Structure formats: structure tokens, C-alpha cells
Protein backbone atom coordinates (compact mmCIF):
# COMPACT_ATOMS: atom_id res chain seq x y z
CA UNK A 1 98.85 117.18 -36.39
CA UNK A 2 98.52 119.43 -39.46
CA UNK A 3 94.75 119.18 -39.15
CA UNK A 4 94.91 120.07 -35.46
CA UNK A 5 97.13 123.12 -36.01
CA UNK A 6 95.01 124.33 -38.90
CA UNK A 7 91.81 124.02 -36.91
CA UNK A 8 92.85 125.45 -33.54
CA UNK A 9 94.22 128.54 -35.23
CA UNK A 10 90.84 129.21 -36.82
CA UNK A 11 88.39 131.10 -34.57
CA UNK A 12 85.50 129.68 -36.60
CA UNK A 13 86.47 126.10 -35.62
CA UNK A 14 87.16 127.01 -31.98
CA UNK A 15 83.67 128.45 -31.69
CA UNK A 16 82.21 125.25 -33.18
CA UNK A 17 83.72 122.91 -30.58
CA UNK A 18 82.73 124.97 -27.54
CA UNK A 19 78.99 124.27 -27.88
CA UNK A 20 77.24 121.38 -29.56
CA UNK A 21 74.43 122.89 -31.55
CA UNK A 22 72.89 121.60 -34.78
CA UNK A 23 74.66 124.34 -36.71
CA UNK A 24 78.07 123.65 -35.15
CA UNK A 25 77.74 119.88 -35.72
CA UNK A 26 76.82 120.45 -39.36
CA UNK A 27 80.00 122.43 -39.93
CA UNK A 28 82.10 119.90 -38.03
CA UNK A 29 80.76 117.18 -40.35
CA UNK A 30 81.70 119.32 -43.37
CA UNK A 31 85.23 120.03 -42.08
CA UNK A 32 86.08 116.46 -41.03
CA UNK A 33 84.48 115.01 -44.18
CA UNK A 34 86.88 117.06 -46.31
CA UNK A 35 89.81 115.66 -44.34
CA UNK A 36 88.52 112.08 -44.39
CA UNK A 37 88.35 112.23 -48.19
CA UNK A 38 91.87 113.69 -48.31
CA UNK A 39 92.96 110.77 -46.09
CA UNK A 40 91.66 108.27 -48.62
CA UNK A 41 93.44 110.05 -51.47
CA UNK A 42 96.82 110.30 -49.70
CA UNK A 43 97.18 106.75 -48.35
CA UNK A 44 99.72 104.03 -49.06
CA UNK A 45 98.77 101.33 -51.61
CA UNK A 46 99.48 97.67 -50.83
CA UNK A 47 99.41 95.11 -53.69
CA UNK A 48 98.40 91.46 -53.50
CA UNK A 49 102.08 90.56 -53.23
CA UNK A 50 102.41 92.90 -50.22
CA UNK A 51 104.35 95.42 -52.26
CA UNK A 52 104.07 98.97 -50.88
CA UNK A 53 103.39 101.80 -53.36
CA UNK A 54 103.48 105.42 -52.17
CA UNK A 55 102.07 107.79 -54.81
CA UNK A 56 101.59 111.48 -54.00
CA UNK A 57 97.87 111.17 -54.72
CA UNK A 58 95.97 107.96 -55.34
CA UNK A 59 93.86 108.62 -58.40
CA UNK A 60 92.49 105.09 -58.72
CA UNK A 61 92.60 101.96 -56.58
CA UNK A 62 92.44 98.45 -57.96
CA UNK A 63 89.82 96.15 -56.45
CA UNK A 64 92.50 93.71 -55.40
CA UNK A 65 94.70 96.36 -53.77
CA UNK A 66 94.48 97.58 -50.20
CA UNK A 67 95.20 101.00 -48.81
CA UNK A 68 96.66 102.10 -45.47
CA UNK A 69 95.56 105.63 -44.56
CA UNK A 70 94.48 108.00 -41.80
CA UNK A 71 90.72 107.61 -42.39
CA UNK A 72 90.16 105.93 -39.01
CA UNK A 73 92.20 108.65 -37.30
CA UNK A 74 89.97 111.37 -38.79
CA UNK A 75 86.79 109.51 -37.81
CA UNK A 76 88.11 109.01 -34.26
CA UNK A 77 89.02 112.67 -33.77
CA UNK A 78 85.70 113.77 -35.32
CA UNK A 79 83.82 111.57 -32.82
CA UNK A 80 85.84 112.86 -29.86
CA UNK A 81 85.35 116.47 -30.98
CA UNK A 82 81.73 116.51 -32.10
CA UNK A 83 80.16 113.41 -30.57
CA UNK A 84 78.64 110.22 -31.96
CA UNK A 85 76.43 111.97 -34.51
CA UNK A 86 79.32 113.80 -36.12
CA UNK A 87 81.51 110.68 -35.98
CA UNK A 88 78.88 108.49 -37.67
CA UNK A 89 78.26 110.94 -40.51
CA UNK A 90 81.98 111.47 -41.11
CA UNK A 91 82.44 107.67 -40.99
CA UNK A 92 79.61 107.20 -43.47
CA UNK A 93 81.09 109.72 -45.89
CA UNK A 94 84.60 108.29 -45.50
CA UNK A 95 83.37 104.71 -45.97
CA UNK A 96 81.27 105.59 -49.01
CA UNK A 97 84.17 107.42 -50.60
CA UNK A 98 86.45 104.44 -49.93
CA UNK A 99 83.81 102.11 -51.47
CA UNK A 100 83.35 104.26 -54.60
CA UNK A 101 87.06 105.03 -54.87
CA UNK A 102 87.95 101.30 -55.05
CA UNK A 103 85.57 100.59 -57.95
CA UNK A 104 82.69 99.69 -55.62
CA UNK A 105 84.53 97.01 -53.70
CA UNK A 106 85.06 96.52 -49.95
CA UNK A 107 81.66 97.77 -48.85
CA UNK A 108 82.45 96.61 -45.30
CA UNK A 109 84.42 99.84 -44.83
CA UNK A 110 81.10 101.74 -44.74
CA UNK A 111 79.81 99.63 -41.83
CA UNK A 112 83.10 99.65 -39.93
CA UNK A 113 83.57 103.43 -40.29
CA UNK A 114 80.04 104.21 -39.09
CA UNK A 115 80.42 101.76 -36.18
CA UNK A 116 83.73 103.35 -35.14
CA UNK A 117 82.17 106.83 -35.23
CA UNK A 118 79.25 105.69 -33.09
CA UNK A 119 81.22 103.74 -30.45
CA UNK A 120 84.05 106.29 -30.04
CA UNK A 121 81.54 109.16 -29.82
CA UNK A 122 79.30 107.47 -27.26
CA UNK A 123 82.11 106.16 -25.03
CA UNK A 124 84.02 109.44 -25.38
CA UNK A 125 81.00 111.44 -24.18
CA UNK A 126 80.55 109.08 -21.23
CA UNK A 127 84.16 109.19 -20.00
CA UNK A 128 84.75 112.93 -20.55
CA UNK A 129 82.18 113.93 -17.91
CA UNK A 130 81.91 117.72 -17.69
CA UNK A 131 85.17 118.30 -19.52
CA UNK A 132 85.39 119.39 -23.13
CA UNK A 133 87.48 116.30 -23.99
CA UNK A 134 88.29 112.95 -22.33
CA UNK A 135 91.56 112.46 -20.47
CA UNK A 136 94.53 111.54 -22.65
CA UNK A 137 94.46 107.96 -21.30
CA UNK A 138 90.93 107.41 -22.60
CA UNK A 139 91.78 109.07 -25.89
CA UNK A 140 94.61 106.57 -26.39
CA UNK A 141 92.37 103.63 -25.48
CA UNK A 142 89.61 104.77 -27.85
CA UNK A 143 92.11 105.46 -30.66
CA UNK A 144 93.55 101.97 -30.33
CA UNK A 145 90.09 100.40 -30.04
CA UNK A 146 88.94 102.16 -33.21
CA UNK A 147 91.85 100.73 -35.17
CA UNK A 148 91.30 97.24 -33.72
CA UNK A 149 87.67 97.37 -34.87
CA UNK A 150 88.86 98.33 -38.35
CA UNK A 151 91.47 95.53 -38.31
CA UNK A 152 88.80 93.01 -37.30
CA UNK A 153 86.70 93.90 -40.35
CA UNK A 154 89.74 93.81 -42.65
CA UNK A 155 90.77 90.39 -41.26
CA UNK A 156 87.30 88.95 -41.83
CA UNK A 157 86.82 90.29 -45.35
CA UNK A 158 90.39 90.65 -46.70
CA UNK A 159 92.40 88.15 -44.70
CA UNK A 160 94.62 88.32 -41.64
CA UNK A 161 97.83 88.34 -43.66
CA UNK A 162 97.07 91.97 -44.57
CA UNK A 163 96.22 92.70 -40.93
CA UNK A 164 99.62 91.35 -39.81
CA UNK A 165 101.33 93.73 -42.21
CA UNK A 166 99.50 96.95 -41.22
CA UNK A 167 98.18 96.48 -37.68
CA UNK A 168 101.26 97.81 -35.84
CA UNK A 169 101.85 100.99 -37.91
CA UNK A 170 98.11 101.68 -38.24
CA UNK A 171 97.49 101.03 -34.54
CA UNK A 172 100.33 103.35 -33.53
CA UNK A 173 99.22 105.96 -36.05
CA UNK A 174 95.64 106.09 -34.83
CA UNK A 175 96.50 105.91 -31.12
CA UNK A 176 99.32 108.46 -31.12
CA UNK A 177 97.62 110.65 -33.72
CA UNK A 178 94.36 110.83 -31.72
CA UNK A 179 96.27 111.69 -28.54
CA UNK A 180 98.30 114.38 -30.29
CA UNK A 181 95.21 115.88 -31.94
CA UNK A 182 93.19 116.12 -28.71
CA UNK A 183 96.20 117.26 -26.69
CA UNK A 184 96.87 120.10 -29.15
CA UNK A 185 93.23 121.19 -28.89
CA UNK A 186 93.25 120.99 -25.09
CA UNK A 187 96.55 122.86 -24.78
CA UNK A 188 95.46 125.63 -27.12
CA UNK A 189 92.07 126.04 -25.44
CA UNK A 190 93.68 126.04 -22.00
CA UNK A 191 96.21 128.67 -23.04
CA UNK A 192 93.43 130.71 -24.61
CA UNK A 193 91.41 130.59 -21.36
CA UNK A 194 94.45 131.62 -19.34
CA UNK A 195 95.20 134.46 -21.74
CA UNK A 196 91.60 135.61 -21.60
CA UNK A 197 91.64 135.47 -17.81
CA UNK A 198 94.73 137.69 -17.72
CA UNK A 199 93.24 140.05 -20.31
CA UNK A 200 89.92 140.15 -18.45
CA UNK A 201 91.69 141.03 -15.21
CA UNK A 202 93.60 143.84 -16.92
CA UNK A 203 90.48 145.13 -18.68
CA UNK A 204 88.43 145.07 -15.47
CA UNK A 205 91.15 146.95 -13.63
CA UNK A 206 91.43 149.41 -16.50
CA UNK A 207 87.67 150.03 -16.70
CA UNK A 208 87.43 150.34 -12.93
CA UNK A 209 90.01 153.13 -13.03
CA UNK A 210 88.37 154.92 -15.98
CA UNK A 211 84.80 154.84 -14.63
CA UNK A 212 85.19 157.76 -12.18
CA UNK A 213 86.38 160.00 -15.03
CA UNK A 214 83.83 159.01 -17.67
CA UNK A 215 80.99 159.36 -15.14
CA UNK A 216 81.83 163.06 -15.11
CA UNK A 217 81.31 163.26 -18.88
CA UNK A 218 83.52 163.50 -21.96
CA UNK A 219 85.77 166.52 -21.54
CA UNK A 220 89.46 167.48 -21.65
CA UNK A 221 90.20 166.37 -18.10
CA UNK A 222 88.43 163.00 -18.24
CA UNK A 223 89.82 162.19 -21.70
CA UNK A 224 93.41 162.94 -20.65
CA UNK A 225 93.24 160.71 -17.57
CA UNK A 226 91.53 157.88 -19.48
CA UNK A 227 94.16 157.95 -22.26
CA UNK A 228 96.95 157.78 -19.69
CA UNK A 229 95.29 154.79 -18.00
CA UNK A 230 94.81 152.92 -21.30
CA UNK A 231 98.41 153.59 -22.33
CA UNK A 232 99.63 152.21 -18.98
CA UNK A 233 97.66 148.95 -19.20
CA UNK A 234 98.17 148.15 -22.90
CA UNK A 235 100.89 147.90 -25.54
CA UNK A 236 99.42 150.61 -27.77
CA UNK A 237 101.96 153.14 -29.03
CA UNK A 238 99.45 156.00 -28.75
CA UNK A 239 95.91 156.50 -27.46
CA UNK A 240 93.57 159.35 -28.32
CA UNK A 241 90.01 160.45 -27.59
CA UNK A 242 87.99 163.02 -29.51
CA UNK A 243 84.59 164.57 -29.33
CA UNK A 244 82.69 165.16 -32.57
CA UNK A 245 85.00 168.01 -33.63
CA UNK A 246 88.17 168.35 -31.56
CA UNK A 247 90.93 166.20 -30.10
CA UNK A 248 90.33 165.94 -26.35
CA UNK A 249 93.50 164.01 -25.50
CA UNK A 250 96.40 162.21 -27.19
CA UNK A 251 99.03 160.27 -25.26
CA UNK A 252 102.07 158.60 -26.83
CA UNK A 253 103.61 158.73 -30.31
CA UNK A 254 102.52 161.72 -32.39
CA UNK A 255 101.61 163.84 -29.36
CA UNK A 256 103.60 166.74 -30.83
CA UNK A 257 100.98 167.39 -33.52
CA UNK A 258 97.84 165.56 -32.27
CA UNK A 259 97.10 168.25 -29.69
CA UNK A 260 94.14 168.58 -27.33
CA UNK A 261 91.59 171.33 -28.15
CA UNK A 262 92.64 171.35 -31.82
CA UNK A 263 90.44 169.96 -34.63
CA UNK A 264 90.62 166.25 -35.50
CA UNK A 265 93.44 165.78 -38.04
CA UNK A 266 93.10 162.28 -39.48
CA UNK A 267 90.64 161.34 -42.21
CA UNK A 268 90.17 157.98 -40.46
CA UNK A 269 88.80 159.57 -37.28
CA UNK A 270 86.57 161.95 -39.23
CA UNK A 271 85.04 159.01 -41.10
CA UNK A 272 84.35 157.07 -37.88
CA UNK A 273 82.71 160.09 -36.24
CA UNK A 274 80.60 160.71 -39.35
CA UNK A 275 79.48 157.09 -39.94
CA UNK A 276 79.49 155.74 -36.38
CA UNK A 277 81.34 152.60 -37.54
CA UNK A 278 84.70 151.12 -36.55
CA UNK A 279 87.59 151.54 -38.97
CA UNK A 280 91.04 149.95 -39.18
CA UNK A 281 94.12 151.29 -40.94
CA UNK A 282 97.26 149.35 -41.80
CA UNK A 283 99.27 152.18 -43.32
CA UNK A 284 99.96 155.90 -42.93
CA UNK A 285 97.94 156.59 -46.06
CA UNK A 286 94.85 154.92 -44.60
CA UNK A 287 95.19 156.94 -41.39
CA UNK A 288 95.29 160.15 -43.39
CA UNK A 289 97.31 162.34 -41.04
CA UNK A 290 98.47 165.48 -42.92
CA UNK A 291 101.64 165.78 -40.80
CA UNK A 292 104.62 164.62 -42.91
CA UNK A 293 106.64 163.09 -40.07
CA UNK A 294 103.77 161.40 -38.22
CA UNK A 295 105.10 158.11 -36.74
CA UNK A 296 101.68 156.44 -36.65
CA UNK A 297 101.58 153.54 -39.13
CA UNK A 298 98.43 151.62 -38.11
CA UNK A 299 95.29 152.42 -36.16
CA UNK A 300 91.97 151.20 -34.77
CA UNK A 301 89.26 153.81 -34.29
CA UNK A 302 85.92 152.98 -32.67
CA UNK A 303 82.99 155.34 -32.07
CA UNK A 304 81.87 156.32 -28.57
CA UNK A 305 78.09 156.22 -28.64
CA UNK A 306 75.35 157.12 -26.19
CA UNK A 307 71.71 156.42 -27.06
CA UNK A 308 72.82 155.36 -30.57
CA UNK A 309 74.37 158.79 -31.15
CA UNK A 310 78.11 159.16 -31.79
CA UNK A 311 79.59 161.67 -29.35
CA UNK A 312 83.28 161.02 -30.05
CA UNK A 313 85.88 158.40 -30.87
CA UNK A 314 88.47 156.21 -29.14
CA UNK A 315 91.66 155.90 -31.20
CA UNK A 316 94.60 153.56 -30.66
CA UNK A 317 97.72 153.75 -32.82
CA UNK A 318 100.75 151.59 -33.65
CA UNK A 319 104.10 152.60 -35.07
CA UNK A 320 104.43 149.11 -36.61
CA UNK A 321 101.45 147.67 -38.57
CA UNK A 322 102.39 144.13 -37.47
CA UNK A 323 101.37 145.03 -33.91
CA UNK A 324 97.75 145.33 -35.03
CA UNK A 325 96.52 141.77 -34.33
CA UNK A 326 93.20 140.11 -33.62
CA UNK A 327 93.84 140.49 -29.87
CA UNK A 328 94.17 144.28 -30.22
CA UNK A 329 91.04 144.46 -32.41
CA UNK A 330 88.94 142.58 -29.85
CA UNK A 331 90.37 144.60 -26.96
CA UNK A 332 89.59 147.95 -28.60
CA UNK A 333 86.08 146.76 -29.53
CA UNK A 334 85.47 145.86 -25.89
CA UNK A 335 86.89 149.11 -24.58
CA UNK A 336 84.74 151.12 -26.97
CA UNK A 337 81.60 149.33 -25.77
CA UNK A 338 82.56 149.68 -22.08
CA UNK A 339 83.48 153.36 -22.39
CA UNK A 340 80.24 154.11 -24.24
CA UNK A 341 78.38 152.46 -21.36
CA UNK A 342 80.34 154.44 -18.78
CA UNK A 343 79.56 157.69 -20.57
CA UNK A 344 75.88 156.70 -20.70
CA UNK A 345 75.95 156.07 -16.93
CA UNK A 346 77.48 159.49 -16.37
CA UNK A 347 74.86 161.21 -18.52
CA UNK A 348 72.07 159.25 -16.80
CA UNK A 349 73.37 160.21 -13.36
CA UNK A 350 73.63 163.84 -14.39
CA UNK A 351 70.07 163.77 -15.73
CA UNK A 352 68.89 162.06 -12.54
CA UNK A 353 70.56 164.76 -10.49
CA UNK A 354 68.89 167.46 -12.58
CA UNK A 355 65.54 165.72 -12.17
CA UNK A 356 65.95 165.62 -8.40
CA UNK A 357 66.87 169.29 -8.35
CA UNK A 358 63.84 170.06 -10.52
CA UNK A 359 61.66 168.14 -8.06
CA UNK A 360 63.04 170.25 -5.21
CA UNK A 361 62.26 173.39 -7.19
CA UNK A 362 58.76 172.07 -7.84
CA UNK A 363 58.29 171.38 -4.13
CA UNK A 364 59.54 174.84 -3.33
CA UNK A 365 57.14 176.38 -5.83
CA UNK A 366 54.31 174.23 -4.48
CA UNK A 367 54.89 175.35 -0.90
CA UNK A 368 55.48 179.03 -1.48
CA UNK A 369 52.58 180.66 -3.41
CA UNK A 370 49.68 179.36 -1.32
CA UNK A 371 51.46 180.08 1.94
CA UNK A 372 52.77 183.42 0.71
CA UNK A 373 49.34 184.87 -0.02
CA UNK A 374 47.91 183.64 3.29
CA UNK A 375 50.82 185.24 5.14
CA UNK A 376 50.33 188.57 3.33
CA UNK A 377 46.65 188.57 4.20
CA UNK A 378 47.54 187.90 7.84
CA UNK A 379 50.07 190.75 7.88
CA UNK A 380 47.58 193.12 6.26
CA UNK A 381 44.99 192.30 8.92
CA UNK A 382 47.49 192.61 11.81
CA UNK A 383 48.63 196.06 10.66
CA UNK A 384 45.19 197.38 11.54
CA UNK A 385 45.15 195.95 15.07
CA UNK A 386 48.69 195.14 16.23
CA UNK A 387 51.65 196.71 14.40
CA UNK A 388 54.20 194.85 16.55
CA UNK A 389 52.72 191.51 15.63
CA UNK A 390 52.63 192.59 12.01
CA UNK A 391 56.35 193.46 12.22
CA UNK A 392 57.08 190.06 13.74
CA UNK A 393 55.07 188.40 10.99
CA UNK A 394 57.11 190.22 8.32
CA UNK A 395 60.33 189.05 10.00
CA UNK A 396 59.10 185.46 10.18
CA UNK A 397 58.02 185.59 6.54
CA UNK A 398 61.49 186.88 5.66
CA UNK A 399 63.10 184.01 7.58
CA UNK A 400 60.80 181.50 5.92
CA UNK A 401 61.51 182.61 2.35
CA UNK A 402 65.20 183.15 2.94
CA UNK A 403 65.57 179.59 4.23
CA UNK A 404 63.27 178.37 1.46
CA UNK A 405 65.51 179.89 -1.21
CA UNK A 406 68.66 178.64 0.51
CA UNK A 407 67.39 175.11 1.05
CA UNK A 408 66.09 175.00 -2.50
CA UNK A 409 69.68 175.11 -3.77
CA UNK A 410 70.64 171.88 -1.98
CA UNK A 411 69.55 168.26 -1.99
CA UNK A 412 70.30 167.98 1.71
CA UNK A 413 70.39 170.59 4.46
CA UNK A 414 71.31 170.54 8.13
CA UNK A 415 68.63 169.76 10.70
CA UNK A 416 69.31 173.19 12.20
CA UNK A 417 68.42 174.99 8.95
CA UNK A 418 65.35 172.84 8.31
CA UNK A 419 64.10 173.39 11.88
CA UNK A 420 64.43 177.19 11.47
CA UNK A 421 62.38 176.89 8.30
CA UNK A 422 59.66 174.90 10.10
CA UNK A 423 59.67 177.27 13.08
CA UNK A 424 59.13 180.28 10.82
CA UNK A 425 56.26 178.46 9.12
CA UNK A 426 54.59 177.54 12.44
CA UNK A 427 55.05 181.07 13.85
CA UNK A 428 53.22 182.50 10.85
CA UNK A 429 50.46 179.91 11.17
CA UNK A 430 50.05 180.73 14.86
CA UNK A 431 49.84 184.42 14.06
CA UNK A 432 46.94 183.60 11.73
CA UNK A 433 45.33 181.14 14.16
CA UNK A 434 46.58 181.83 17.70
CA UNK A 435 46.99 178.71 19.88
CA UNK A 436 45.35 176.49 17.29
CA UNK A 437 48.37 174.25 16.62
CA UNK A 438 51.06 173.04 19.02
CA UNK A 439 54.30 171.67 17.65
CA UNK A 440 56.45 169.73 20.12
CA UNK A 441 60.03 168.66 19.39
CA UNK A 442 61.95 165.70 20.78
CA UNK A 443 65.36 165.86 19.13
CA UNK A 444 68.11 163.52 20.29
CA UNK A 445 70.60 163.99 17.44
CA UNK A 446 73.08 166.68 16.46
CA UNK A 447 71.60 169.77 14.77
CA UNK A 448 74.28 169.31 12.09
CA UNK A 449 72.92 166.00 10.72
CA UNK A 450 71.83 166.26 7.09
CA UNK A 451 68.28 165.62 5.97
CA UNK A 452 66.54 166.13 2.59
CA UNK A 453 65.49 169.73 1.95
CA UNK A 454 61.83 170.48 2.90
CA UNK A 455 61.45 167.03 4.47
CA UNK A 456 60.15 168.27 7.85
CA UNK A 457 58.29 171.15 6.21
CA UNK A 458 56.15 168.81 4.11
CA UNK A 459 55.24 166.55 7.04
CA UNK A 460 54.34 169.47 9.33
CA UNK A 461 52.36 171.34 6.67
CA UNK A 462 50.52 168.13 5.83
CA UNK A 463 49.46 167.80 9.48
CA UNK A 464 48.43 171.47 9.75
CA UNK A 465 46.21 171.42 6.66
CA UNK A 466 44.80 167.89 6.65
CA UNK A 467 45.12 166.09 9.99
CA UNK A 468 42.58 168.02 12.05
CA UNK A 469 39.57 168.51 9.79
CA UNK A 470 36.47 168.71 12.00
CA UNK A 471 38.56 168.77 15.17
CA UNK A 472 38.05 171.89 17.30
CA UNK A 473 40.86 171.93 19.85
CA UNK A 474 43.93 170.15 21.19
CA UNK A 475 45.66 169.98 17.79
CA UNK A 476 49.14 168.68 18.50
CA UNK A 477 52.03 167.72 16.26
CA UNK A 478 54.97 165.71 17.67
CA UNK A 479 58.26 165.81 15.79
CA UNK A 480 60.73 163.20 17.05
CA UNK A 481 64.24 162.66 15.74
CA UNK A 482 66.41 160.00 17.39
CA UNK A 483 69.07 157.39 16.64
CA UNK A 484 67.83 154.17 15.05
CA UNK A 485 71.09 152.21 14.77
CA UNK A 486 74.72 152.79 13.76
CA UNK A 487 73.73 153.46 10.16
CA UNK A 488 70.47 155.41 10.38
CA UNK A 489 68.51 157.87 12.52
CA UNK A 490 64.74 158.09 12.54
CA UNK A 491 62.43 161.02 11.85
CA UNK A 492 58.87 160.65 13.04
CA UNK A 493 56.10 163.25 12.65
CA UNK A 494 52.91 162.33 14.49
CA UNK A 495 49.62 164.12 15.03
CA UNK A 496 46.55 163.48 17.16
CA UNK A 497 44.16 164.18 14.31
CA UNK A 498 41.34 162.22 12.73
CA UNK A 499 43.48 159.87 10.64
CA UNK A 500 43.54 159.32 6.88
CA UNK A 501 40.61 157.75 5.05
CA UNK A 502 41.35 154.21 3.95
CA UNK A 503 40.60 155.00 0.30
CA UNK A 504 43.23 157.76 0.28
CA UNK A 505 45.68 155.82 2.47
CA UNK A 506 45.78 152.91 0.00
CA UNK A 507 46.85 155.27 -2.82
CA UNK A 508 49.07 157.67 -0.87
CA UNK A 509 52.76 157.60 -1.95
CA UNK A 510 51.93 155.34 -4.91
CA UNK A 511 50.77 158.18 -7.14
CA UNK A 512 49.94 161.91 -6.87
CA UNK A 513 46.47 162.40 -5.33
CA UNK A 514 44.94 165.49 -6.85
CA UNK A 515 41.85 165.60 -4.68
CA UNK A 516 43.89 166.32 -1.55
CA UNK A 517 44.80 169.84 -2.70
CA UNK A 518 48.40 168.98 -3.46
CA UNK A 519 49.30 167.17 -0.24
CA UNK A 520 49.40 163.79 -1.94
CA UNK A 521 51.66 165.19 -4.64
CA UNK A 522 54.10 166.67 -2.13
CA UNK A 523 54.32 163.42 -0.15
CA UNK A 524 54.62 161.37 -3.34
CA UNK A 525 57.51 163.51 -4.64
CA UNK A 526 59.23 163.50 -1.25
CA UNK A 527 59.00 159.71 -1.08
CA UNK A 528 60.56 159.44 -4.54
CA UNK A 529 63.38 161.74 -3.48
CA UNK A 530 64.05 159.71 -0.33
CA UNK A 531 64.26 156.47 -2.31
CA UNK A 532 66.43 158.12 -4.96
CA UNK A 533 68.83 159.51 -2.36
CA UNK A 534 69.09 156.62 0.09
CA UNK A 535 67.33 153.57 -1.35
CA UNK A 536 64.06 151.83 -0.52
CA UNK A 537 64.95 151.52 3.17
CA UNK A 538 64.27 155.27 3.52
CA UNK A 539 60.82 155.29 1.95
CA UNK A 540 58.04 156.86 4.02
CA UNK A 541 56.11 154.55 6.35
CA UNK A 542 52.58 155.64 7.35
CA UNK A 543 50.60 154.48 10.36
CA UNK A 544 47.11 155.97 10.59
CA UNK A 545 44.09 155.42 12.81
CA UNK A 546 41.27 157.44 14.38
CA UNK A 547 43.73 158.53 17.09
CA UNK A 548 46.09 160.18 14.61
CA UNK A 549 48.70 159.61 11.90
CA UNK A 550 52.46 159.16 11.99
CA UNK A 551 54.98 159.45 9.15
CA UNK A 552 58.33 157.76 9.75
CA UNK A 553 61.52 157.71 7.68
CA UNK A 554 65.07 156.44 8.19
CA UNK A 555 67.95 158.71 7.13
CA UNK A 556 71.60 157.61 6.98
CA UNK A 557 73.98 159.43 9.30
CA UNK A 558 75.63 162.35 7.51
CA UNK A 559 76.91 165.64 8.91
CA UNK A 560 77.81 169.04 7.64
CA UNK A 561 81.49 169.38 6.78
CA UNK A 562 82.08 171.85 9.60
CA UNK A 563 81.20 169.21 12.19
CA UNK A 564 83.30 166.56 10.46
CA UNK A 565 86.36 168.83 10.42
CA UNK A 566 85.89 169.81 14.04
């Protein structure tokens, strides 16, 4: 029982018995071998006349004397814990020590101890199934069987009179002792699993509530809410979060002088921020708060790191140092890791958002210059022959660039705004080339549905510049928008042009295609934006033949807020 309590309260031992590796079995042999030797040294001597001698420690054993001890119990529990290999080695060491200890007599103990270790280990593994240990019934049977094996050897080599004297107490000792040992291990491990399950549930709930705040970054607002959540779900007396310089939030004891927006006070926190390593403090002096009446008497401070760079610290405090236990240490370590990951997610999402906005700006810049100069040339030419048309062209150019600037500020715009943008573009093209292109709409959805900015513009411009090469007349573009299902609507832009060459078609959307004068790049970037916004289901699908080309995408139903509120 002492052995069981000592072992289960040691995390090193608990880790050894969870998985049977060569390293864990080596250490189990070392641990149980120490106890099997102690068992030999702390037994009860029995003389030839059956007199019982109980010294504190047996320093020497006469060849004619016997000894009753817990060696078999240790070998049995070693076999049940570590398997046959561990049991045999512990039995070998215990038997050898017994042989040497008794002036090299009773060598049969070596054979019996190894045999017990082997049989108990093998049968124990067979009857335990997928469990960590056998049922208590089988433990009792194996404990009794181990002692009966030992008694058989003693009866053969030392006589059955000795067996009659010791079989009942030794049999009870090994049977009950084995059951108690395994039951203590099973109870402790079961309680530990239950405790971890409860802690895991609390931690998951805690992290789920903190994620929305940390995804927005590390600032005064997010830090304050996170500290309040941690304080609610834990037994910490105070919780604080800092950036690299200032206190962002402090909730609980000491809040009167650990104030948000003020510089970090404690030497402990400064050290963690500087070194990027966790620190523990078990006294006010170790915390290093300059405030004379600070109630904080113990602390755990862990760094908050993103991309291996310390950006702040999570601090938990206790008013009583005895509250700082292993459970609290592990919990704070886990929270520090989780919060660092949440902050990294927030930064990554922010960067992703900036990248998408940069791509929109790039698309806007790609569309504008080439078209702008063509439109100016058209207006300059019209001013010589038709001032009214020139005025209309200036107005359409104004509409185009106004909507271009407006749409460029958003990831998604209403269909109404995007259609106005496309109409202005086509009106300018038709002023340059009267009746050359015909754009036909078939729209069966609300004009307030949201679509990615410049989505229609890119498809239509692609058709205008690349679909009709070598084709003299009848250049038509069909833009269809209709419901697809309850979750998505479909945008389809089709032309009756010459189709896309197979060599280009196989590479289109997979990488920018420079030889197509930028069209491949625009489509490639648009496809990336669609996937980034809505997932792979919204990627562009192309169908091209000699009769024309169609581009199709699925967009999830979303509406402008005005329509939702109405």
C-alpha cells in the first residue's frame, strides 16, 4: 500500500504505466527492483525451531533460516503493471538478491521468482483485454496463484512443515496486497481521468469564449474581457494581461494599483516579457511589486508569443502561495499556448483580409489605366465630330471611375452597383466601337444581392478583349444571374466567340498567364478571391468550345443591410 501511494502520486511513474515502451519498462524494472530488495531486507526470520524473529532490518540470514517477506507481492504487482518482461527481470533480481543474501543458499528462489513474473505477466495481459489492468477478481486469483507457486518450491526444497506455518499469512498477504495495489492505481487513474475531463470541458468552454476577443488582436478591450472570462472559470485570485510595455487588463486582487494603460509594475512580468520564458513566484519578494500593500503572494506568468516573438504576458496571481499547485501550473501553461494560438489566428486573419484588399486594389489598378487612356482618346475624337456624344462619354467615364473607386473600398458590393459599373464600361466601349458588342442581361435575383467587387467587370472585359479575335460581327455577351439552390445563386457570363485555345485553357486559373495581356492574371486573382471568400465551391468553372466560352460561379445568398432591415 505504501508503494502504491508513493508511486501513484508521482507523475513520472504514472506516465510510465500508461504506455509500454522500452524506456518505460526499463524504469519500471529499476523502481520495482529497489522495492523487491527492500522486501528481502524487511522480512520476518523463521528459525529451524519455527521461532519467529522480527528485526527492523535483516542484515544477514543464516543458511538454515527461512524468511517470510513481500518479495512475491512486489514481483506480482510488477508483472501486472509492466507485463511479463518487467516481472521476470524484477523476479530475477529479487531471487538473486535472496540467494546472495542467504550466503548463496536456496537458489530455487531465482527460478520460482522468474517463473512467477513470467506467468503472472502473461496471464495478466491476456485477461486484461483492452483495459490498463485486469479486473480485481483476476488480480486476486493471480496473486494467490503466485504465492502457491512459491509455496510449492519451498515445500519441495525446504519441507512442507515450513509451508504449513507461512502459507496462510503469505497467501493472504500476496492476494490482498496485489488487489489493494492495483485497486489504488485504478482508482487514482480513474479519478485523474475524470478530473481531466472536467478540466478539459472548462478549458474548452473558456477558450471558446475568449476566441472572438483574441481574434480581434491584443488590446485593452479584448484583454479586459478575456481576464474576466478566466477569472469566472478558474480559482485564480487575480488575472492580468500585458503587452510588451503596459498593463492591458487586471481583474481581481490588486486591481487598485495594477491599472490598465499604466506600465508593467512587477519585476516578474518584466523578466518574462524580456526572456520569453515562464516564471513562477512563491512570495511577494519574487513577484517584485513595488506597492507596499499588494495582496498578491504567488504568481504564474507565461509569455504570449506569435511567430516566436513575445507580444505580451498572461499573469495569474494567488493571495495564498499554497494555492499554486501542479494543476494550476499545467492549466496556465495550456492557456498560454492556446491564447498565443488564438492571437496568431487573429493576426493571420487580419493579414489575409489586408491581402484580399490589396488584391482588389491591384485589380482596380489593372482595369483602370488601360481603359482610361482608351476612353480619353475616344472622347478627344468625338469632340471633333459629335460634342453631345463626347459629353455623354465624359459622364459615362465619370460613372465608371466613381463606381470603381467606391467598389474598390469593399470586398463585396450589391449587384445593382456592379451592374452600373459594367453598363458604364460597355457604354464607353460602344462609343468607341458602335454596335460592335451586344451585352444581354437575364437577371432573376434581387439587385441587392452581394457579389465580389469587379466580378462581373472582369468577365465582361475578358469577353470584349479576347473572345472575338478574328470574328467580324454578331459579337454577343450573355450575362445570366439566377437562383441555384437555397444556399447559392449562379452567375454565368457566356459569349459566342471563338473559344479559348487548349494550351491556354489548361493553365487558366492555375497561374497568371502573362501572354494574354493581363486577362489571365485578372481571372486568376478573381478565382483566388472567390475561394478565399466562399470556399472552393465558388471557384470559377470554364466551358469553352468553338461556339463560345462560359464562365460560371456560385455565390452564397447575401443581401445589403437595407434589404435585410426592410
